[in-house]
Structure formats: structure tokens, C-alpha cells
N, C-alpha and C. Protein backbone atom coordinates (compact mmCIF):
# COMPACT_ATOMS: atom_id res chain seq x y z
N MET A 1 -59.77 69.96 -107.23
CA MET A 1 -58.85 69.60 -106.10
C MET A 1 -57.42 69.83 -106.70
N ALA A 2 -56.42 70.30 -105.75
CA ALA A 2 -55.08 70.62 -106.16
C ALA A 2 -54.19 69.30 -106.07
N ALA A 3 -53.28 69.22 -107.03
CA ALA A 3 -52.44 67.98 -107.02
C ALA A 3 -51.37 68.17 -106.02
N ASN A 4 -50.98 67.10 -105.39
CA ASN A 4 -50.03 67.16 -104.17
C ASN A 4 -48.54 67.03 -104.84
N LEU A 5 -47.98 67.96 -104.99
CA LEU A 5 -46.62 68.07 -105.79
C LEU A 5 -45.57 68.09 -104.78
N SER A 6 -44.31 67.54 -105.17
CA SER A 6 -43.11 67.75 -104.28
C SER A 6 -41.99 68.32 -105.06
N ASN A 7 -41.33 69.17 -104.60
CA ASN A 7 -39.92 69.56 -105.35
C ASN A 7 -38.77 69.51 -104.49
N ALA A 8 -38.86 68.63 -103.62
CA ALA A 8 -37.69 68.62 -102.59
C ALA A 8 -36.75 67.36 -103.10
N LEU A 9 -35.43 67.56 -102.82
CA LEU A 9 -34.38 66.43 -103.23
C LEU A 9 -33.33 66.66 -102.21
N SER A 10 -32.54 65.46 -102.12
CA SER A 10 -31.39 65.42 -101.42
C SER A 10 -30.05 65.20 -102.07
N VAL A 11 -29.11 65.81 -101.61
CA VAL A 11 -27.91 65.79 -102.03
C VAL A 11 -26.89 65.24 -100.98
N THR A 12 -26.08 64.15 -101.20
CA THR A 12 -25.23 63.67 -100.05
C THR A 12 -23.71 64.00 -100.57
N GLU A 13 -23.12 64.93 -99.68
CA GLU A 13 -21.63 65.33 -99.87
C GLU A 13 -20.81 64.27 -99.16
N ALA A 14 -19.80 63.67 -99.89
CA ALA A 14 -18.79 62.89 -99.09
C ALA A 14 -17.96 63.74 -98.28
N GLY A 15 -17.45 63.26 -97.08
CA GLY A 15 -16.48 63.88 -96.14
C GLY A 15 -15.04 63.67 -96.81
N ILE A 16 -14.19 64.47 -96.23
CA ILE A 16 -12.84 64.19 -96.66
C ILE A 16 -12.21 62.95 -95.97
N PRO A 17 -11.20 62.38 -96.66
CA PRO A 17 -10.59 61.20 -95.97
C PRO A 17 -9.93 61.59 -94.76
N VAL A 18 -10.05 60.79 -93.66
CA VAL A 18 -9.38 61.12 -92.46
C VAL A 18 -7.83 60.71 -92.56
N THR A 19 -6.95 61.57 -92.09
CA THR A 19 -5.46 61.21 -92.24
C THR A 19 -4.95 61.21 -90.85
N ILE A 20 -4.27 60.34 -90.41
CA ILE A 20 -3.36 60.25 -89.24
C ILE A 20 -2.06 59.90 -89.57
N THR A 21 -0.91 60.63 -89.20
CA THR A 21 0.39 60.34 -89.56
C THR A 21 1.17 60.52 -88.21
N ILE A 22 1.95 59.44 -88.04
CA ILE A 22 2.78 59.50 -86.72
C ILE A 22 4.28 59.39 -87.07
N SER A 23 5.16 59.84 -86.17
CA SER A 23 6.60 59.66 -86.29
C SER A 23 7.02 59.47 -84.98
N ALA A 24 8.25 59.12 -84.80
CA ALA A 24 8.96 58.62 -83.67
C ALA A 24 10.08 59.63 -83.34
N SER A 25 10.57 60.02 -82.18
CA SER A 25 11.66 60.78 -81.87
C SER A 25 13.16 60.05 -82.11
N THR A 26 12.93 58.71 -82.11
CA THR A 26 14.01 57.76 -82.50
C THR A 26 13.61 56.63 -83.08
N THR A 27 14.64 55.89 -83.83
CA THR A 27 14.15 54.60 -84.26
C THR A 27 14.90 53.51 -83.83
N SER A 28 15.70 53.90 -82.64
CA SER A 28 16.54 52.83 -82.05
C SER A 28 16.69 53.26 -80.70
N GLU A 29 16.80 52.35 -79.70
CA GLU A 29 17.04 52.41 -78.13
C GLU A 29 18.12 51.54 -77.78
N PRO A 30 18.85 51.82 -76.95
CA PRO A 30 19.95 50.98 -76.36
C PRO A 30 19.12 49.76 -75.41
N ALA A 31 19.75 48.72 -75.09
CA ALA A 31 19.18 47.51 -74.55
C ALA A 31 18.56 48.02 -73.10
N SER A 32 18.90 49.21 -72.58
CA SER A 32 18.45 49.71 -71.40
C SER A 32 17.04 50.35 -71.35
N GLY A 33 16.58 50.35 -72.80
CA GLY A 33 15.38 51.04 -73.00
C GLY A 33 15.40 52.65 -72.93
N GLY A 34 14.24 53.22 -72.79
CA GLY A 34 14.18 54.66 -72.69
C GLY A 34 12.80 55.19 -73.28
N PRO A 35 12.61 56.62 -73.26
CA PRO A 35 11.41 57.19 -73.58
C PRO A 35 11.60 57.41 -75.10
N VAL A 36 10.32 57.24 -75.73
CA VAL A 36 10.18 57.46 -77.21
C VAL A 36 9.02 58.53 -77.31
N THR A 37 9.13 59.62 -77.99
CA THR A 37 8.05 60.55 -78.21
C THR A 37 7.51 60.17 -79.44
N ILE A 38 6.08 59.89 -79.64
CA ILE A 38 5.43 59.54 -80.63
C ILE A 38 4.57 60.87 -80.97
N SER A 39 5.00 61.50 -82.20
CA SER A 39 4.20 62.56 -82.54
C SER A 39 3.33 62.29 -83.69
N GLY A 40 2.04 62.89 -83.76
CA GLY A 40 1.04 62.69 -84.73
C GLY A 40 0.57 64.06 -85.22
N THR A 41 0.02 64.02 -86.39
CA THR A 41 -0.68 65.00 -87.05
C THR A 41 -2.02 64.27 -87.75
N THR A 42 -3.00 65.15 -87.83
CA THR A 42 -4.36 64.76 -88.29
C THR A 42 -5.08 65.86 -88.84
N ASN A 43 -6.01 65.56 -89.59
CA ASN A 43 -7.02 66.60 -90.22
C ASN A 43 -8.19 66.43 -89.53
N GLU A 44 -8.32 65.65 -88.41
CA GLU A 44 -9.53 65.50 -87.59
C GLU A 44 -9.70 66.89 -86.88
N PRO A 45 -10.78 67.18 -86.38
CA PRO A 45 -11.12 68.51 -85.60
C PRO A 45 -10.34 68.43 -84.20
N ASP A 46 -9.99 69.56 -83.82
CA ASP A 46 -9.30 69.76 -82.57
C ASP A 46 -10.23 69.09 -81.49
N GLY A 47 -9.62 68.56 -80.41
CA GLY A 47 -10.43 67.86 -79.37
C GLY A 47 -10.65 66.35 -79.64
N THR A 48 -10.31 65.83 -80.86
CA THR A 48 -10.34 64.46 -81.10
C THR A 48 -9.45 63.59 -80.25
N THR A 49 -9.99 62.61 -79.73
CA THR A 49 -9.11 61.78 -78.77
C THR A 49 -8.52 60.69 -79.49
N PHE A 50 -7.21 60.47 -79.07
CA PHE A 50 -6.44 59.47 -79.73
C PHE A 50 -5.94 58.53 -78.65
N THR A 51 -5.70 57.15 -79.02
CA THR A 51 -5.14 56.21 -78.24
C THR A 51 -3.87 55.64 -78.92
N LEU A 52 -2.85 55.17 -78.19
CA LEU A 52 -1.69 54.71 -78.77
C LEU A 52 -1.56 53.10 -78.41
N ASN A 53 -1.42 52.47 -79.56
CA ASN A 53 -1.28 50.93 -79.29
C ASN A 53 0.24 50.52 -79.70
N VAL A 54 0.67 49.61 -78.99
CA VAL A 54 2.18 49.10 -79.11
C VAL A 54 2.08 47.67 -79.48
N ASN A 55 2.59 47.16 -80.67
CA ASN A 55 2.55 45.81 -81.03
C ASN A 55 1.05 45.26 -81.05
N GLY A 56 0.15 46.07 -81.37
CA GLY A 56 -1.28 45.49 -81.62
C GLY A 56 -1.94 45.52 -80.22
N ALA A 57 -1.45 46.12 -79.11
CA ALA A 57 -2.24 46.09 -77.93
C ALA A 57 -2.24 47.45 -77.32
N ASP A 58 -3.17 47.66 -76.46
CA ASP A 58 -3.19 49.12 -75.63
C ASP A 58 -1.91 49.28 -75.07
N SER A 59 -1.35 50.57 -75.14
CA SER A 59 -0.25 50.85 -74.66
C SER A 59 -0.22 51.03 -73.06
N GLY A 60 -1.46 51.30 -72.65
CA GLY A 60 -1.49 51.61 -71.17
C GLY A 60 -1.48 53.14 -70.84
N LEU A 61 -1.15 53.86 -71.93
CA LEU A 61 -1.13 55.35 -71.71
C LEU A 61 -2.44 55.93 -71.80
N PRO A 62 -2.72 56.91 -71.09
CA PRO A 62 -4.08 57.87 -71.15
C PRO A 62 -4.24 58.21 -72.56
N PRO A 63 -5.44 58.36 -73.08
CA PRO A 63 -5.68 59.00 -74.41
C PRO A 63 -5.43 60.34 -74.28
N VAL A 64 -4.99 61.00 -75.42
CA VAL A 64 -4.75 62.42 -75.47
C VAL A 64 -5.51 62.97 -76.49
N THR A 65 -5.79 64.32 -76.55
CA THR A 65 -6.72 64.96 -77.44
C THR A 65 -5.79 65.84 -78.38
N SER A 66 -6.12 66.03 -79.70
CA SER A 66 -5.47 66.84 -80.64
C SER A 66 -5.67 68.28 -80.43
N ALA A 67 -4.87 69.16 -80.72
CA ALA A 67 -4.95 70.56 -80.67
C ALA A 67 -4.09 71.14 -81.87
N GLY A 68 -4.58 71.99 -82.68
CA GLY A 68 -4.00 72.45 -83.81
C GLY A 68 -3.52 71.39 -84.85
N GLY A 69 -4.30 70.15 -84.91
CA GLY A 69 -3.90 69.18 -85.74
C GLY A 69 -2.86 68.24 -85.38
N ALA A 70 -2.50 68.43 -84.02
CA ALA A 70 -1.35 67.57 -83.58
C ALA A 70 -1.56 67.01 -82.34
N PHE A 71 -0.92 65.86 -82.04
CA PHE A 71 -0.95 65.10 -80.73
C PHE A 71 0.37 64.51 -80.31
N THR A 72 0.65 64.13 -79.06
CA THR A 72 1.90 63.59 -78.66
C THR A 72 1.72 62.69 -77.48
N PHE A 73 2.49 61.45 -77.66
CA PHE A 73 2.41 60.64 -76.70
C PHE A 73 4.03 60.33 -76.27
N THR A 74 4.35 60.09 -75.08
CA THR A 74 5.75 59.69 -74.70
C THR A 74 5.55 58.16 -74.02
N TYR A 75 6.10 57.11 -74.75
CA TYR A 75 6.24 55.73 -74.32
C TYR A 75 7.51 55.45 -73.92
N THR A 76 7.65 54.72 -72.71
CA THR A 76 8.87 54.34 -72.30
C THR A 76 9.20 52.81 -72.55
N ILE A 77 10.22 52.58 -73.34
CA ILE A 77 10.36 51.23 -73.77
C ILE A 77 11.19 50.52 -72.89
N PRO A 78 10.75 49.34 -72.33
CA PRO A 78 11.52 48.70 -71.12
C PRO A 78 12.78 48.12 -71.47
N ALA A 79 13.65 47.94 -70.67
CA ALA A 79 14.95 47.15 -70.90
C ALA A 79 14.81 45.94 -71.59
N ASN A 80 15.54 45.65 -72.52
CA ASN A 80 15.58 44.34 -73.21
C ASN A 80 16.67 43.41 -72.63
N THR A 81 16.17 42.43 -71.85
CA THR A 81 17.02 41.39 -71.28
C THR A 81 17.43 40.26 -72.20
N ALA A 82 16.96 40.27 -73.42
CA ALA A 82 17.25 39.19 -74.38
C ALA A 82 18.45 39.49 -75.17
N THR A 83 19.05 38.32 -75.76
CA THR A 83 20.26 38.53 -76.53
C THR A 83 19.96 39.03 -78.05
N ILE A 84 18.61 39.03 -78.28
CA ILE A 84 18.28 39.49 -79.79
C ILE A 84 17.56 40.80 -79.57
N PRO A 85 17.44 41.55 -80.67
CA PRO A 85 16.77 42.80 -80.59
C PRO A 85 15.19 42.67 -80.48
N VAL A 86 14.58 43.64 -80.03
CA VAL A 86 13.07 43.63 -80.02
C VAL A 86 12.57 44.83 -80.74
N THR A 87 11.45 44.60 -81.60
CA THR A 87 10.90 45.66 -82.25
C THR A 87 9.54 46.20 -81.79
N TYR A 88 9.20 47.38 -81.65
CA TYR A 88 7.98 47.86 -81.24
C TYR A 88 7.43 48.55 -82.39
N THR A 89 6.13 48.17 -82.59
CA THR A 89 5.24 48.81 -83.80
C THR A 89 4.20 49.63 -82.96
N PHE A 90 4.18 50.97 -83.35
CA PHE A 90 3.20 51.84 -82.79
C PHE A 90 2.12 52.13 -83.80
N THR A 91 0.86 52.28 -83.29
CA THR A 91 -0.30 52.78 -84.15
C THR A 91 -0.95 53.72 -83.26
N ALA A 92 -1.51 54.84 -83.95
CA ALA A 92 -2.43 55.78 -83.15
C ALA A 92 -3.73 55.53 -83.86
N GLN A 93 -4.82 55.63 -83.05
CA GLN A 93 -6.15 55.69 -83.59
C GLN A 93 -7.00 56.64 -82.66
N ASP A 94 -8.15 56.93 -83.50
CA ASP A 94 -9.04 57.94 -82.85
C ASP A 94 -10.46 57.05 -82.53
């Protein structure tokens, strides 16, 4: 009777870390508000969908897909009627 032998093995290869980097077209707006372009780069595959959060909440903008490792959102900052400055923090996620 022949012995039941196995010569198979598995090797797991780690994936590269995902990188997402964003920058803004401006770092300040007048009290009247206005548009800010948020440009991003990523090493994720083309066609990856990204969403934009503002101050930790959904921006309300539709998701965008990356092409050539890049994606862009345009967010309109509303007028500030307060007497103190308002800061907006943007995050992009896939």
C-alpha cells in the first residue's frame, strides 16, 4: 500500500500599505466663504471610490473615483456669520 504524502505549502505575501494624501487649494477663506478644491493622491487601484468628510461628518458630496492615482473634490465653505474664525478639517477615505 502506498503512503499518502503531501508536498504542498502556502506562502502569504503582505500587501503594500495603502496611502492617501490630500491637499487643499487654499488654507484660508474670507468670512463670505467659497469653494475649496481638495486634491488627493493614492496608491490604490484606478476606480477606487473615495468619500470626503468635513469635521468628522459626511460632506454631502457624491463619492468620486480615482484615475491615474488621483481624485478631486470641490467643497463650498459656507459664510461665517460668527465673530470668531471657524476651522474645517477634511478627511478622504475609501
